[in-house]
Amino acid sequence: MDSVRKALRAGDVEKDGYGRLSCVTCDEPLSTDNNPDKIGKIRVCPDCGSEWKELG
């Protein structure tokens, strides 16, 4: 699983003017999967199921 930053540089994820992230292949906004026991968040595309880790 890549980080969100790496996915932004690679062109797999796009950020709009409001800071919302979306999957480039599906053109869908990413949802957040929060686990309180772990540091960071997992961003998930609801269509294709791709996941990216967000540490910040």
PDB file of N, CA and C in Angstrom:
ATOM      1  N   MET A   1       0.848  -1.167   0.000  1.00  0.00           N
ATOM      2  CA  MET A   1       0.000   0.000   0.000  1.00  0.00           C
ATOM      3  C   MET A   1       0.898   1.235   0.000  1.00  0.00           C
ATOM      4  N   ASP A   2       0.681   2.106  -0.972  1.00  0.00           N
ATOM      5  CA  ASP A   2       1.442   3.342  -1.090  1.00  0.00           C
ATOM      6  C   ASP A   2       0.835   4.428  -0.208  1.00  0.00           C
ATOM      7  N   SER A   3       1.598   5.479   0.009  1.00  0.00           N
ATOM      8  CA  SER A   3       1.083   6.625   0.742  1.00  0.00           C
ATOM      9  C   SER A   3       0.309   7.534  -0.216  1.00  0.00           C
ATOM     10  N   VAL A   4      -0.490   8.413   0.348  1.00  0.00           N
ATOM     11  CA  VAL A   4      -1.261   9.358  -0.458  1.00  0.00           C
ATOM     12  C   VAL A   4      -0.316  10.290  -1.206  1.00  0.00           C
ATOM     13  N   ARG A   5       0.764  10.718  -0.559  1.00  0.00           N
ATOM     14  CA  ARG A   5       1.731  11.607  -1.214  1.00  0.00           C
ATOM     15  C   ARG A   5       2.341  10.948  -2.452  1.00  0.00           C
ATOM     16  N   LYS A   6       2.724   9.690  -2.300  1.00  0.00           N
ATOM     17  CA  LYS A   6       3.318   8.965  -3.419  1.00  0.00           C
ATOM     18  C   LYS A   6       2.299   8.801  -4.550  1.00  0.00           C
ATOM     19  N   ALA A   7       1.049   8.542  -4.203  1.00  0.00           N
ATOM     20  CA  ALA A   7      -0.006   8.385  -5.205  1.00  0.00           C
ATOM     21  C   ALA A   7      -0.290   9.702  -5.917  1.00  0.00           C
ATOM     22  N   LEU A   8      -0.209  10.820  -5.200  1.00  0.00           N
ATOM     23  CA  LEU A   8      -0.398  12.125  -5.831  1.00  0.00           C
ATOM     24  C   LEU A   8       0.710  12.390  -6.849  1.00  0.00           C
ATOM     25  N   ARG A   9       1.964  12.067  -6.489  1.00  0.00           N
ATOM     26  CA  ARG A   9       3.081  12.272  -7.407  1.00  0.00           C
ATOM     27  C   ARG A   9       2.994  11.357  -8.619  1.00  0.00           C
ATOM     28  N   ALA A  10       2.506  10.122  -8.404  1.00  0.00           N
ATOM     29  CA  ALA A  10       2.415   9.155  -9.495  1.00  0.00           C
ATOM     30  C   ALA A  10       1.207   9.417 -10.401  1.00  0.00           C
ATOM     31  N   GLY A  11       0.248  10.200  -9.913  1.00  0.00           N
ATOM     32  CA  GLY A  11      -0.938  10.490 -10.712  1.00  0.00           C
ATOM     33  C   GLY A  11      -2.077   9.517 -10.495  1.00  0.00           C
ATOM     34  N   ASP A  12      -2.002   8.700  -9.435  1.00  0.00           N
ATOM     35  CA  ASP A  12      -3.082   7.759  -9.128  1.00  0.00           C
ATOM     36  C   ASP A  12      -4.220   8.423  -8.371  1.00  0.00           C
ATOM     37  N   VAL A  13      -3.897   9.500  -7.660  1.00  0.00           N
ATOM     38  CA  VAL A  13      -4.877  10.239  -6.854  1.00  0.00           C
ATOM     39  C   VAL A  13      -4.779  11.701  -7.244  1.00  0.00           C
ATOM     40  N   GLU A  14      -5.935  12.388  -7.267  1.00  0.00           N
ATOM     41  CA  GLU A  14      -6.012  13.801  -7.602  1.00  0.00           C
ATOM     42  C   GLU A  14      -6.564  14.576  -6.424  1.00  0.00           C
ATOM     43  N   LYS A  15      -6.108  15.810  -6.261  1.00  0.00           N
ATOM     44  CA  LYS A  15      -6.631  16.684  -5.219  1.00  0.00           C
ATOM     45  C   LYS A  15      -7.280  17.882  -5.893  1.00  0.00           C
ATOM     46  N   ASP A  16      -8.506  18.229  -5.487  1.00  0.00           N
ATOM     47  CA  ASP A  16      -9.177  19.378  -6.088  1.00  0.00           C
ATOM     48  C   ASP A  16      -8.837  20.647  -5.307  1.00  0.00           C
ATOM     49  N   GLY A  17      -9.434  21.745  -5.665  1.00  0.00           N
ATOM     50  CA  GLY A  17      -9.150  23.031  -5.043  1.00  0.00           C
ATOM     51  C   GLY A  17      -9.521  23.113  -3.579  1.00  0.00           C
ATOM     52  N   TYR A  18     -10.422  22.255  -3.134  1.00  0.00           N
ATOM     53  CA  TYR A  18     -10.839  22.235  -1.735  1.00  0.00           C
ATOM     54  C   TYR A  18     -10.064  21.213  -0.909  1.00  0.00           C
ATOM     55  N   GLY A  19      -9.115  20.503  -1.514  1.00  0.00           N
ATOM     56  CA  GLY A  19      -8.313  19.526  -0.785  1.00  0.00           C
ATOM     57  C   GLY A  19      -8.910  18.136  -0.733  1.00  0.00           C
ATOM     58  N   ARG A  20      -9.990  17.909  -1.472  1.00  0.00           N
ATOM     59  CA  ARG A  20     -10.605  16.580  -1.496  1.00  0.00           C
ATOM     60  C   ARG A  20      -9.839  15.679  -2.444  1.00  0.00           C
ATOM     61  N   LEU A  21      -9.644  14.430  -2.032  1.00  0.00           N
ATOM     62  CA  LEU A  21      -8.905  13.456  -2.835  1.00  0.00           C
ATOM     63  C   LEU A  21      -9.869  12.588  -3.622  1.00  0.00           C
ATOM     64  N   SER A  22      -9.474  12.246  -4.858  1.00  0.00           N
ATOM     65  CA  SER A  22     -10.301  11.355  -5.672  1.00  0.00           C
ATOM     66  C   SER A  22      -9.404  10.409  -6.456  1.00  0.00           C
ATOM     67  N   CYS A  23      -9.917   9.221  -6.736  1.00  0.00           N
ATOM     68  CA  CYS A  23      -9.217   8.201  -7.515  1.00  0.00           C
ATOM     69  C   CYS A  23      -9.264   8.608  -8.990  1.00  0.00           C
ATOM     70  N   VAL A  24      -8.131   8.565  -9.663  1.00  0.00           N
ATOM     71  CA  VAL A  24      -8.060   8.995 -11.063  1.00  0.00           C
ATOM     72  C   VAL A  24      -8.726   7.972 -11.983  1.00  0.00           C
ATOM     73  N   THR A  25      -8.553   6.683 -11.713  1.00  0.00           N
ATOM     74  CA  THR A  25      -9.112   5.658 -12.604  1.00  0.00           C
ATOM     75  C   THR A  25     -10.632   5.603 -12.526  1.00  0.00           C
ATOM     76  N   CYS A  26     -11.201   5.791 -11.345  1.00  0.00           N
ATOM     77  CA  CYS A  26     -12.659   5.700 -11.176  1.00  0.00           C
ATOM     78  C   CYS A  26     -13.339   7.065 -11.169  1.00  0.00           C
ATOM     79  N   ASP A  27     -12.569   8.128 -10.937  1.00  0.00           N
ATOM     80  CA  ASP A  27     -13.094   9.485 -10.813  1.00  0.00           C
ATOM     81  C   ASP A  27     -14.107   9.591  -9.678  1.00  0.00           C
ATOM     82  N   GLU A  28     -13.839   8.888  -8.578  1.00  0.00           N
ATOM     83  CA  GLU A  28     -14.697   8.893  -7.398  1.00  0.00           C
ATOM     84  C   GLU A  28     -13.936   9.474  -6.206  1.00  0.00           C
ATOM     85  N   PRO A  29     -14.611  10.227  -5.321  1.00  0.00           N
ATOM     86  CA  PRO A  29     -13.945  10.727  -4.118  1.00  0.00           C
ATOM     87  C   PRO A  29     -13.592   9.571  -3.171  1.00  0.00           C
ATOM     88  N   LEU A  30     -12.455   9.711  -2.492  1.00  0.00           N
ATOM     89  CA  LEU A  30     -11.997   8.667  -1.588  1.00  0.00           C
ATOM     90  C   LEU A  30     -12.708   8.770  -0.248  1.00  0.00           C
ATOM     91  N   SER A  31     -13.010   7.630   0.345  1.00  0.00           N
ATOM     92  CA  SER A  31     -13.574   7.598   1.686  1.00  0.00           C
ATOM     93  C   SER A  31     -12.454   7.291   2.681  1.00  0.00           C
ATOM     94  N   THR A  32     -12.713   7.521   3.952  1.00  0.00           N
ATOM     95  CA  THR A  32     -11.704   7.342   4.990  1.00  0.00           C
ATOM     96  C   THR A  32     -12.067   6.155   5.865  1.00  0.00           C
ATOM     97  N   ASP A  33     -11.074   5.297   6.089  1.00  0.00           N
ATOM     98  CA  ASP A  33     -11.235   4.162   6.987  1.00  0.00           C
ATOM     99  C   ASP A  33     -10.336   4.421   8.190  1.00  0.00           C
ATOM    100  N   ASN A  34     -10.936   4.781   9.329  1.00  0.00           N
ATOM    101  CA  ASN A  34     -10.181   5.138  10.526  1.00  0.00           C
ATOM    102  C   ASN A  34     -10.083   3.958  11.469  1.00  0.00           C
ATOM    103  N   ASN A  35      -8.878   3.644  11.923  1.00  0.00           N
ATOM    104  CA  ASN A  35      -8.654   2.636  12.950  1.00  0.00           C
ATOM    105  C   ASN A  35      -8.017   3.347  14.134  1.00  0.00           C
ATOM    106  N   PRO A  36      -8.712   3.463  15.268  1.00  0.00           N
ATOM    107  CA  PRO A  36      -8.169   4.222  16.395  1.00  0.00           C
ATOM    108  C   PRO A  36      -6.906   3.602  17.007  1.00  0.00           C
ATOM    109  N   ASP A  37      -6.635   2.335  16.739  1.00  0.00           N
ATOM    110  CA  ASP A  37      -5.461   1.682  17.301  1.00  0.00           C
ATOM    111  C   ASP A  37      -4.198   1.947  16.493  1.00  0.00           C
ATOM    112  N   LYS A  38      -4.321   2.484  15.292  1.00  0.00           N
ATOM    113  CA  LYS A  38      -3.176   2.723  14.418  1.00  0.00           C
ATOM    114  C   LYS A  38      -3.019   4.203  14.131  1.00  0.00           C
ATOM    115  N   ILE A  39      -1.785   4.605  13.843  1.00  0.00           N
ATOM    116  CA  ILE A  39      -1.494   5.993  13.502  1.00  0.00           C
ATOM    117  C   ILE A  39      -1.822   6.206  12.024  1.00  0.00           C
ATOM    118  N   GLY A  40      -2.484   7.309  11.726  1.00  0.00           N
ATOM    119  CA  GLY A  40      -2.828   7.638  10.347  1.00  0.00           C
ATOM    120  C   GLY A  40      -4.194   7.103   9.957  1.00  0.00           C
ATOM    121  N   LYS A  41      -4.527   7.341   8.698  1.00  0.00           N
ATOM    122  CA  LYS A  41      -5.816   6.921   8.142  1.00  0.00           C
ATOM    123  C   LYS A  41      -5.564   6.130   6.872  1.00  0.00           C
ATOM    124  N   ILE A  42      -6.533   5.337   6.497  1.00  0.00           N
ATOM    125  CA  ILE A  42      -6.500   4.624   5.224  1.00  0.00           C
ATOM    126  C   ILE A  42      -7.559   5.260   4.338  1.00  0.00           C
ATOM    127  N   ARG A  43      -7.141   5.741   3.169  1.00  0.00           N
ATOM    128  CA  ARG A  43      -8.064   6.316   2.195  1.00  0.00           C
ATOM    129  C   ARG A  43      -8.402   5.234   1.182  1.00  0.00           C
ATOM    130  N   VAL A  44      -9.683   5.008   0.928  1.00  0.00           N
ATOM    131  CA  VAL A  44     -10.158   3.894   0.103  1.00  0.00           C
ATOM    132  C   VAL A  44     -11.055   4.423  -1.010  1.00  0.00           C
ATOM    133  N   CYS A  45     -10.862   3.881  -2.219  1.00  0.00           N
ATOM    134  CA  CYS A  45     -11.762   4.178  -3.328  1.00  0.00           C
ATOM    135  C   CYS A  45     -12.958   3.236  -3.223  1.00  0.00           C
ATOM    136  N   PRO A  46     -14.182   3.756  -3.173  1.00  0.00           N
ATOM    137  CA  PRO A  46     -15.350   2.890  -3.030  1.00  0.00           C
ATOM    138  C   PRO A  46     -15.627   2.010  -4.246  1.00  0.00           C
ATOM    139  N   ASP A  47     -15.175   2.408  -5.445  1.00  0.00           N
ATOM    140  CA  ASP A  47     -15.433   1.623  -6.651  1.00  0.00           C
ATOM    141  C   ASP A  47     -14.433   0.491  -6.852  1.00  0.00           C
ATOM    142  N   CYS A  48     -13.143   0.840  -6.922  1.00  0.00           N
ATOM    143  CA  CYS A  48     -12.147  -0.186  -7.257  1.00  0.00           C
ATOM    144  C   CYS A  48     -11.511  -0.818  -6.032  1.00  0.00           C
ATOM    145  N   GLY A  49     -11.669  -0.223  -4.839  1.00  0.00           N
ATOM    146  CA  GLY A  49     -11.133  -0.811  -3.614  1.00  0.00           C
ATOM    147  C   GLY A  49      -9.669  -0.521  -3.377  1.00  0.00           C
ATOM    148  N   SER A  50      -9.047   0.350  -4.162  1.00  0.00           N
ATOM    149  CA  SER A  50      -7.643   0.710  -3.945  1.00  0.00           C
ATOM    150  C   SER A  50      -7.508   1.460  -2.624  1.00  0.00           C
ATOM    151  N   GLU A  51      -6.365   1.246  -1.943  1.00  0.00           N
ATOM    152  CA  GLU A  51      -6.146   1.866  -0.641  1.00  0.00           C
ATOM    153  C   GLU A  51      -4.822   2.618  -0.616  1.00  0.00           C
ATOM    154  N   TRP A  52      -4.809   3.755   0.089  1.00  0.00           N
ATOM    155  CA  TRP A  52      -3.608   4.548   0.279  1.00  0.00           C
ATOM    156  C   TRP A  52      -3.550   4.969   1.742  1.00  0.00           C
ATOM    157  N   LYS A  53      -2.349   5.014   2.284  1.00  0.00           N
ATOM    158  CA  LYS A  53      -2.147   5.386   3.684  1.00  0.00           C
ATOM    159  C   LYS A  53      -1.871   6.875   3.782  1.00  0.00           C
ATOM    160  N   GLU A  54      -2.562   7.538   4.724  1.00  0.00           N
ATOM    161  CA  GLU A  54      -2.381   8.963   4.969  1.00  0.00           C
ATOM    162  C   GLU A  54      -1.880   9.126   6.395  1.00  0.00           C
ATOM    163  N   LEU A  55      -0.664   9.640   6.546  1.00  0.00           N
ATOM    164  CA  LEU A  55      -0.059   9.760   7.868  1.00  0.00           C
ATOM    165  C   LEU A  55      -0.363  11.086   8.553  1.00  0.00           C
ATOM    166  N   GLY A  56      -0.599  12.133   7.815  1.00  0.00           N
ATOM    167  CA  GLY A  56      -0.751  13.465   8.379  1.00  0.00           C
ATOM    168  C   GLY A  56      -2.042  13.746   8.906  1.00  0.00           C
TER     169      GLY A  56
END
